[in-house]
Amino acid sequence: MDTRAVSETEFQEACQTFSARLIDEIPSYVVRLENELMRQGEMQLDWLPALEAELLESVRDLLSLPARDQLEPPIGMIRRIIQRELEAHSFVNWERMRERGFLPTSAIDISPELGDAHLAWGIAKARSMRGVEEGSAS
């Protein structure tokens, strides 16, 4: 297994790939979320376009930061934003949302197509942080 540290440039390349792919998949995820909420009886869903816009902007912003400044994993950030919005709109059926993958714990909960980009980002982040730690130890 390759454990070498990666440069910030290599890390940013992984971030750009993951960001672009996430941004491509978020709109379909929000449509699936809307369908699920309607299936569960939610009718007031006019807030979903604002949620989608926030998710897209937040992903762009987070994944444009250097590794040391990405304090929250992208999928954790997405889950937190979704939970906050569901709570703000009095949605309470958390277990069903978790079971059906609408409170993502992995990029594949957003789209199975994101698995490889999520893994590549995670490896690059770990290796980048290793480089930061090695640099600070010098």
Foldseek 3Di string as FASTA:
>chain_A
DDQAADAQVLLLVLLVVLLVVCLVLLVVLLVVVVVVCVVVPDDPDPCSVVLSVVLNVVSVVLSNDGLVPNPDQSLQVNLVSVVVVCVVVVNDPVVVCVVQLVSPPFVVSSPVVSRVSRVSSVSNSSSNVVVVVVVVVD
